[in-house]
């Protein structure tokens, strides 16, 4: 990814973070959470990284922080 491109959040990113957090990554949960993500905040966090790996790390940290603030995660399918 070129440095001038905005980080694009994907459902795969979200699934990875949910699994790392020990939470359900069911389709219902992923769809619900993905719709609520503040993608601008995630892109802003990712932009702090110097390379692709660091951008991914910063983005995933922001995704995790947002999930922790959500109190209405749905039950598994």
PDB file of N, CA and C in Angstrom:
ATOM      1  N   UNK A   1       0.864  -1.181   0.000  1.00  0.00           N
ATOM      2  CA  UNK A   1       0.000   0.000   0.000  1.00  0.00           C
ATOM      3  C   UNK A   1       0.898   1.227   0.000  1.00  0.00           C
ATOM      4  N   UNK A   2       0.595   2.154  -0.860  1.00  0.00           N
ATOM      5  CA  UNK A   2       1.343   3.401  -0.906  1.00  0.00           C
ATOM      6  C   UNK A   2       1.005   4.251   0.312  1.00  0.00           C
ATOM      7  N   UNK A   3       1.972   5.055   0.723  1.00  0.00           N
ATOM      8  CA  UNK A   3       1.782   5.850   1.931  1.00  0.00           C
ATOM      9  C   UNK A   3       0.659   6.869   1.808  1.00  0.00           C
ATOM     10  N   UNK A   4       0.312   7.259   0.579  1.00  0.00           N
ATOM     11  CA  UNK A   4      -0.714   8.290   0.431  1.00  0.00           C
ATOM     12  C   UNK A   4      -2.116   7.710   0.304  1.00  0.00           C
ATOM     13  N   UNK A   5      -2.251   6.398   0.371  1.00  0.00           N
ATOM     14  CA  UNK A   5      -3.574   5.792   0.275  1.00  0.00           C
ATOM     15  C   UNK A   5      -4.174   5.634   1.663  1.00  0.00           C
ATOM     16  N   UNK A   6      -5.483   5.832   1.749  1.00  0.00           N
ATOM     17  CA  UNK A   6      -6.179   5.658   3.018  1.00  0.00           C
ATOM     18  C   UNK A   6      -6.308   4.171   3.319  1.00  0.00           C
ATOM     19  N   UNK A   7      -6.187   3.830   4.582  1.00  0.00           N
ATOM     20  CA  UNK A   7      -6.372   2.458   5.026  1.00  0.00           C
ATOM     21  C   UNK A   7      -7.841   2.106   4.848  1.00  0.00           C
ATOM     22  N   UNK A   8      -8.105   0.956   4.283  1.00  0.00           N
ATOM     23  CA  UNK A   8      -9.489   0.531   4.088  1.00  0.00           C
ATOM     24  C   UNK A   8      -9.788  -0.621   5.038  1.00  0.00           C
ATOM     25  N   UNK A   9     -10.765  -0.425   5.904  1.00  0.00           N
ATOM     26  CA  UNK A   9     -11.145  -1.434   6.885  1.00  0.00           C
ATOM     27  C   UNK A   9     -11.957  -2.516   6.185  1.00  0.00           C
ATOM     28  N   UNK A  10     -11.618  -3.760   6.458  1.00  0.00           N
ATOM     29  CA  UNK A  10     -12.356  -4.870   5.856  1.00  0.00           C
ATOM     30  C   UNK A  10     -12.999  -5.723   6.938  1.00  0.00           C
ATOM     31  N   UNK A  11     -13.953  -6.533   6.528  1.00  0.00           N
ATOM     32  CA  UNK A  11     -14.569  -7.476   7.462  1.00  0.00           C
ATOM     33  C   UNK A  11     -13.533  -8.472   7.959  1.00  0.00           C
ATOM     34  N   UNK A  12     -12.564  -8.798   7.127  1.00  0.00           N
ATOM     35  CA  UNK A  12     -11.509  -9.722   7.540  1.00  0.00           C
ATOM     36  C   UNK A  12     -10.687  -9.138   8.689  1.00  0.00           C
ATOM     37  N   UNK A  13     -10.425  -7.826   8.632  1.00  0.00           N
ATOM     38  CA  UNK A  13      -9.732  -7.161   9.738  1.00  0.00           C
ATOM     39  C   UNK A  13     -10.534  -7.323  11.023  1.00  0.00           C
ATOM     40  N   UNK A  14     -11.821  -7.094  10.908  1.00  0.00           N
ATOM     41  CA  UNK A  14     -12.704  -7.172  12.066  1.00  0.00           C
ATOM     42  C   UNK A  14     -12.740  -8.578  12.632  1.00  0.00           C
ATOM     43  N   UNK A  15     -12.857  -9.585  11.777  1.00  0.00           N
ATOM     44  CA  UNK A  15     -12.883 -10.980  12.230  1.00  0.00           C
ATOM     45  C   UNK A  15     -11.608 -11.295  13.005  1.00  0.00           C
ATOM     46  N   UNK A  16     -10.464 -10.890  12.469  1.00  0.00           N
ATOM     47  CA  UNK A  16      -9.187 -11.135  13.134  1.00  0.00           C
ATOM     48  C   UNK A  16      -9.176 -10.520  14.532  1.00  0.00           C
ATOM     49  N   UNK A  17      -9.609  -9.285  14.639  1.00  0.00           N
ATOM     50  CA  UNK A  17      -9.606  -8.598  15.937  1.00  0.00           C
ATOM     51  C   UNK A  17     -10.582  -9.271  16.899  1.00  0.00           C
ATOM     52  N   UNK A  18     -11.772  -9.616  16.435  1.00  0.00           N
ATOM     53  CA  UNK A  18     -12.749 -10.293  17.302  1.00  0.00           C
ATOM     54  C   UNK A  18     -12.173 -11.591  17.851  1.00  0.00           C
ATOM     55  N   UNK A  19     -11.544 -12.377  16.992  1.00  0.00           N
ATOM     56  CA  UNK A  19     -10.957 -13.646  17.427  1.00  0.00           C
ATOM     57  C   UNK A  19      -9.838 -13.400  18.430  1.00  0.00           C
ATOM     58  N   UNK A  20      -8.991 -12.411  18.162  1.00  0.00           N
ATOM     59  CA  UNK A  20      -7.899 -12.084  19.089  1.00  0.00           C
ATOM     60  C   UNK A  20      -8.437 -11.653  20.446  1.00  0.00           C
ATOM     61  N   UNK A  21      -9.630 -11.052  20.452  1.00  0.00           N
ATOM     62  CA  UNK A  21     -10.243 -10.587  21.695  1.00  0.00           C
ATOM     63  C   UNK A  21     -11.030 -11.698  22.388  1.00  0.00           C
ATOM     64  N   UNK A  22     -11.135 -12.869  21.760  1.00  0.00           N
ATOM     65  CA  UNK A  22     -11.892 -13.973  22.342  1.00  0.00           C
ATOM     66  C   UNK A  22     -13.391 -13.807  22.206  1.00  0.00           C
ATOM     67  N   UNK A  23     -13.811 -13.020  21.237  1.00  0.00           N
ATOM     68  CA  UNK A  23     -15.236 -12.775  21.015  1.00  0.00           C
ATOM     69  C   UNK A  23     -15.711 -13.562  19.802  1.00  0.00           C
ATOM     70  N   UNK A  24     -17.002 -13.701  19.706  1.00  0.00           N
ATOM     71  CA  UNK A  24     -17.594 -14.396  18.570  1.00  0.00           C
ATOM     72  C   UNK A  24     -17.319 -13.622  17.288  1.00  0.00           C
ATOM     73  N   UNK A  25     -16.999 -14.359  16.231  1.00  0.00           N
ATOM     74  CA  UNK A  25     -16.827 -13.758  14.915  1.00  0.00           C
ATOM     75  C   UNK A  25     -17.891 -14.295  13.972  1.00  0.00           C
ATOM     76  N   UNK A  26     -19.080 -14.541  14.527  1.00  0.00           N
ATOM     77  CA  UNK A  26     -20.183 -15.024  13.703  1.00  0.00           C
ATOM     78  C   UNK A  26     -20.603 -13.938  12.714  1.00  0.00           C
ATOM     79  N   UNK A  27     -21.290 -14.338  11.694  1.00  0.00           N
ATOM     80  CA  UNK A  27     -21.742 -13.384  10.674  1.00  0.00           C
ATOM     81  C   UNK A  27     -22.603 -12.286  11.289  1.00  0.00           C
ATOM     82  N   UNK A  28     -23.459 -12.651  12.227  1.00  0.00           N
ATOM     83  CA  UNK A  28     -24.328 -11.677  12.888  1.00  0.00           C
ATOM     84  C   UNK A  28     -23.504 -10.632  13.638  1.00  0.00           C
ATOM     85  N   UNK A  29     -22.523 -11.092  14.400  1.00  0.00           N
ATOM     86  CA  UNK A  29     -21.684 -10.178  15.176  1.00  0.00           C
ATOM     87  C   UNK A  29     -20.858  -9.295  14.243  1.00  0.00           C
ATOM     88  N   UNK A  30     -20.242  -9.911  13.244  1.00  0.00           N
ATOM     89  CA  UNK A  30     -19.394  -9.150  12.321  1.00  0.00           C
ATOM     90  C   UNK A  30     -20.210  -8.071  11.611  1.00  0.00           C
ATOM     91  N   UNK A  31     -21.366  -8.420  11.102  1.00  0.00           N
ATOM     92  CA  UNK A  31     -22.202  -7.431  10.409  1.00  0.00           C
ATOM     93  C   UNK A  31     -22.610  -6.303  11.344  1.00  0.00           C
ATOM     94  N   UNK A  32     -23.014  -6.643  12.550  1.00  0.00           N
ATOM     95  CA  UNK A  32     -23.457  -5.638  13.520  1.00  0.00           C
ATOM     96  C   UNK A  32     -22.316  -4.679  13.875  1.00  0.00           C
ATOM     97  N   UNK A  33     -21.160  -5.240  14.198  1.00  0.00           N
ATOM     98  CA  UNK A  33     -20.029  -4.413  14.617  1.00  0.00           C
ATOM     99  C   UNK A  33     -19.509  -3.587  13.443  1.00  0.00           C
ATOM    100  N   UNK A  34     -19.384  -4.202  12.276  1.00  0.00           N
ATOM    101  CA  UNK A  34     -18.835  -3.503  11.113  1.00  0.00           C
ATOM    102  C   UNK A  34     -19.638  -2.249  10.798  1.00  0.00           C
ATOM    103  N   UNK A  35     -20.955  -2.326  10.928  1.00  0.00           N
ATOM    104  CA  UNK A  35     -21.819  -1.173  10.649  1.00  0.00           C
ATOM    105  C   UNK A  35     -21.589  -0.035  11.641  1.00  0.00           C
ATOM    106  N   UNK A  36     -21.103  -0.358  12.830  1.00  0.00           N
ATOM    107  CA  UNK A  36     -20.930   0.657  13.875  1.00  0.00           C
ATOM    108  C   UNK A  36     -19.517   1.235  13.940  1.00  0.00           C
ATOM    109  N   UNK A  37     -18.587   0.631  13.219  1.00  0.00           N
ATOM    110  CA  UNK A  37     -17.208   1.105  13.307  1.00  0.00           C
ATOM    111  C   UNK A  37     -17.069   2.529  12.787  1.00  0.00           C
ATOM    112  N   UNK A  38     -16.247   3.297  13.476  1.00  0.00           N
ATOM    113  CA  UNK A  38     -15.883   4.645  13.027  1.00  0.00           C
ATOM    114  C   UNK A  38     -14.660   4.472  12.133  1.00  0.00           C
ATOM    115  N   UNK A  39     -14.911   4.295  10.851  1.00  0.00           N
ATOM    116  CA  UNK A  39     -13.820   4.004   9.922  1.00  0.00           C
ATOM    117  C   UNK A  39     -12.844   5.170   9.796  1.00  0.00           C
ATOM    118  N   UNK A  40     -13.327   6.381   9.965  1.00  0.00           N
ATOM    119  CA  UNK A  40     -12.409   7.530   9.905  1.00  0.00           C
ATOM    120  C   UNK A  40     -11.394   7.468  11.040  1.00  0.00           C
ATOM    121  N   UNK A  41     -11.849   7.099  12.231  1.00  0.00           N
ATOM    122  CA  UNK A  41     -10.927   6.981  13.368  1.00  0.00           C
ATOM    123  C   UNK A  41      -9.918   5.861  13.128  1.00  0.00           C
ATOM    124  N   UNK A  42     -10.374   4.775  12.513  1.00  0.00           N
ATOM    125  CA  UNK A  42      -9.477   3.659  12.205  1.00  0.00           C
ATOM    126  C   UNK A  42      -8.449   4.086  11.160  1.00  0.00           C
ATOM    127  N   UNK A  43      -8.902   4.788  10.134  1.00  0.00           N
ATOM    128  CA  UNK A  43      -7.983   5.280   9.112  1.00  0.00           C
ATOM    129  C   UNK A  43      -6.970   6.255   9.712  1.00  0.00           C
ATOM    130  N   UNK A  44      -7.432   7.098  10.614  1.00  0.00           N
ATOM    131  CA  UNK A  44      -6.540   8.055  11.281  1.00  0.00           C
ATOM    132  C   UNK A  44      -5.481   7.308  12.080  1.00  0.00           C
ATOM    133  N   UNK A  45      -5.901   6.276  12.817  1.00  0.00           N
ATOM    134  CA  UNK A  45      -4.942   5.488  13.597  1.00  0.00           C
ATOM    135  C   UNK A  45      -3.936   4.808  12.675  1.00  0.00           C
ATOM    136  N   UNK A  46      -4.432   4.225  11.592  1.00  0.00           N
ATOM    137  CA  UNK A  46      -3.551   3.521  10.654  1.00  0.00           C
ATOM    138  C   UNK A  46      -2.536   4.468  10.029  1.00  0.00           C
ATOM    139  N   UNK A  47      -2.930   5.697   9.822  1.00  0.00           N
ATOM    140  CA  UNK A  47      -2.032   6.651   9.160  1.00  0.00           C
ATOM    141  C   UNK A  47      -0.803   6.976  10.001  1.00  0.00           C
ATOM    142  N   UNK A  48      -0.835   6.615  11.269  1.00  0.00           N
ATOM    143  CA  UNK A  48       0.316   6.859  12.147  1.00  0.00           C
ATOM    144  C   UNK A  48       1.441   5.855  11.904  1.00  0.00           C
ATOM    145  N   UNK A  49       1.120   4.744  11.219  1.00  0.00           N
ATOM    146  CA  UNK A  49       2.118   3.710  10.965  1.00  0.00           C
ATOM    147  C   UNK A  49       3.095   4.105   9.877  1.00  0.00           C
ATOM    148  N   UNK A  50       4.313   3.622  10.008  1.00  0.00           N
ATOM    149  CA  UNK A  50       5.372   3.943   9.040  1.00  0.00           C
ATOM    150  C   UNK A  50       5.396   2.969   7.872  1.00  0.00           C
ATOM    151  N   UNK A  51       4.867   1.765   8.075  1.00  0.00           N
ATOM    152  CA  UNK A  51       4.838   0.774   7.002  1.00  0.00           C
ATOM    153  C   UNK A  51       3.524  -0.009   7.105  1.00  0.00           C
ATOM    154  N   UNK A  52       3.317  -0.913   6.178  1.00  0.00           N
ATOM    155  CA  UNK A  52       2.040  -1.636   6.111  1.00  0.00           C
ATOM    156  C   UNK A  52       1.755  -2.420   7.390  1.00  0.00           C
ATOM    157  N   UNK A  53       2.761  -3.096   7.926  1.00  0.00           N
ATOM    158  CA  UNK A  53       2.548  -3.874   9.148  1.00  0.00           C
ATOM    159  C   UNK A  53       2.169  -2.977  10.319  1.00  0.00           C
ATOM    160  N   UNK A  54       2.839  -1.858  10.434  1.00  0.00           N
ATOM    161  CA  UNK A  54       2.545  -0.936  11.529  1.00  0.00           C
ATOM    162  C   UNK A  54       1.167  -0.310  11.344  1.00  0.00           C
ATOM    163  N   UNK A  55       0.798  -0.001  10.099  1.00  0.00           N
ATOM    164  CA  UNK A  55      -0.544   0.541   9.845  1.00  0.00           C
ATOM    165  C   UNK A  55      -1.609  -0.478  10.258  1.00  0.00           C
ATOM    166  N   UNK A  56      -1.377  -1.751   9.917  1.00  0.00           N
ATOM    167  CA  UNK A  56      -2.314  -2.805  10.320  1.00  0.00           C
ATOM    168  C   UNK A  56      -2.425  -2.877  11.840  1.00  0.00           C
ATOM    169  N   UNK A  57      -1.286  -2.823  12.524  1.00  0.00           N
ATOM    170  CA  UNK A  57      -1.290  -2.893  13.990  1.00  0.00           C
ATOM    171  C   UNK A  57      -2.084  -1.747  14.602  1.00  0.00           C
ATOM    172  N   UNK A  58      -1.823  -0.529  14.135  1.00  0.00           N
ATOM    173  CA  UNK A  58      -2.540   0.633  14.669  1.00  0.00           C
ATOM    174  C   UNK A  58      -4.041   0.548  14.364  1.00  0.00           C
ATOM    175  N   UNK A  59      -4.376   0.119  13.168  1.00  0.00           N
ATOM    176  CA  UNK A  59      -5.780  -0.017  12.802  1.00  0.00           C
ATOM    177  C   UNK A  59      -6.461  -1.064  13.680  1.00  0.00           C
ATOM    178  N   UNK A  60      -5.804  -2.204  13.870  1.00  0.00           N
ATOM    179  CA  UNK A  60      -6.398  -3.264  14.688  1.00  0.00           C
ATOM    180  C   UNK A  60      -6.552  -2.833  16.142  1.00  0.00           C
ATOM    181  N   UNK A  61      -5.609  -2.051  16.641  1.00  0.00           N
ATOM    182  CA  UNK A  61      -5.733  -1.532  18.003  1.00  0.00           C
ATOM    183  C   UNK A  61      -6.954  -0.615  18.119  1.00  0.00           C
ATOM    184  N   UNK A  62      -7.178   0.208  17.116  1.00  0.00           N
ATOM    185  CA  UNK A  62      -8.332   1.111  17.139  1.00  0.00           C
ATOM    186  C   UNK A  62      -9.630   0.319  17.010  1.00  0.00           C
ATOM    187  N   UNK A  63      -9.649  -0.697  16.160  1.00  0.00           N
ATOM    188  CA  UNK A  63     -10.841  -1.545  16.028  1.00  0.00           C
ATOM    189  C   UNK A  63     -11.153  -2.180  17.379  1.00  0.00           C
ATOM    190  N   UNK A  64     -10.137  -2.722  18.038  1.00  0.00           N
ATOM    191  CA  UNK A  64     -10.337  -3.357  19.346  1.00  0.00           C
ATOM    192  C   UNK A  64     -10.861  -2.351  20.370  1.00  0.00           C
ATOM    193  N   UNK A  65     -10.308  -1.152  20.361  1.00  0.00           N
ATOM    194  CA  UNK A  65     -10.761  -0.124  21.305  1.00  0.00           C
ATOM    195  C   UNK A  65     -12.233   0.210  21.075  1.00  0.00           C
ATOM    196  N   UNK A  66     -12.633   0.294  19.812  1.00  0.00           N
ATOM    197  CA  UNK A  66     -14.034   0.586  19.515  1.00  0.00           C
ATOM    198  C   UNK A  66     -14.943  -0.559  19.959  1.00  0.00           C
ATOM    199  N   UNK A  67     -14.517  -1.790  19.739  1.00  0.00           N
ATOM    200  CA  UNK A  67     -15.324  -2.939  20.154  1.00  0.00           C
ATOM    201  C   UNK A  67     -15.500  -2.922  21.669  1.00  0.00           C
ATOM    202  N   UNK A  68     -14.427  -2.615  22.399  1.00  0.00           N
ATOM    203  CA  UNK A  68     -14.501  -2.574  23.866  1.00  0.00           C
ATOM    204  C   UNK A  68     -15.519  -1.549  24.348  1.00  0.00           C
ATOM    205  N   UNK A  69     -15.737  -0.507  23.567  1.00  0.00           N
ATOM    206  CA  UNK A  69     -16.709   0.530  23.962  1.00  0.00           C
ATOM    207  C   UNK A  69     -18.149   0.159  23.590  1.00  0.00           C
ATOM    208  N   UNK A  70     -18.314  -0.883  22.793  1.00  0.00           N
ATOM    209  CA  UNK A  70     -19.663  -1.308  22.394  1.00  0.00           C
ATOM    210  C   UNK A  70     -20.252  -2.186  23.478  1.00  0.00           C
ATOM    211  N   UNK A  71     -21.470  -1.861  23.884  1.00  0.00           N
ATOM    212  CA  UNK A  71     -22.109  -2.643  24.928  1.00  0.00           C
ATOM    213  C   UNK A  71     -23.305  -3.432  24.416  1.00  0.00           C
ATOM    214  N   UNK A  72     -23.451  -3.482  23.113  1.00  0.00           N
ATOM    215  CA  UNK A  72     -24.643  -4.148  22.576  1.00  0.00           C
ATOM    216  C   UNK A  72     -24.285  -5.190  21.509  1.00  0.00           C
ATOM    217  N   UNK A  73     -23.216  -5.948  21.755  1.00  0.00           N
ATOM    218  CA  UNK A  73     -22.869  -6.990  20.807  1.00  0.00           C
ATOM    219  C   UNK A  73     -23.966  -8.055  20.788  1.00  0.00           C
ATOM    220  N   UNK A  74     -24.387  -8.488  19.613  1.00  0.00           N
ATOM    221  CA  UNK A  74     -25.449  -9.498  19.547  1.00  0.00           C
ATOM    222  C   UNK A  74     -24.932 -10.866  19.989  1.00  0.00           C
ATOM    223  N   UNK A  75     -25.861 -11.733  20.314  1.00  0.00           N
ATOM    224  CA  UNK A  75     -25.519 -13.113  20.639  1.00  0.00           C
ATOM    225  C   UNK A  75     -25.123 -13.842  19.370  1.00  0.00           C
ATOM    226  N   UNK A  76     -24.470 -14.980  19.529  1.00  0.00           N
ATOM    227  CA  UNK A  76     -24.087 -15.790  18.371  1.00  0.00           C
ATOM    228  C   UNK A  76     -25.303 -16.181  17.571  1.00  0.00           C
ATOM    229  N   UNK A  77     -25.035 -16.562  16.291  1.00  0.00           N
ATOM    230  CA  UNK A  77     -26.110 -17.046  15.404  1.00  0.00           C
ATOM    231  C   UNK A  77     -26.785 -18.254  16.005  1.00  0.00           C
TER     232      UNK A  77
END
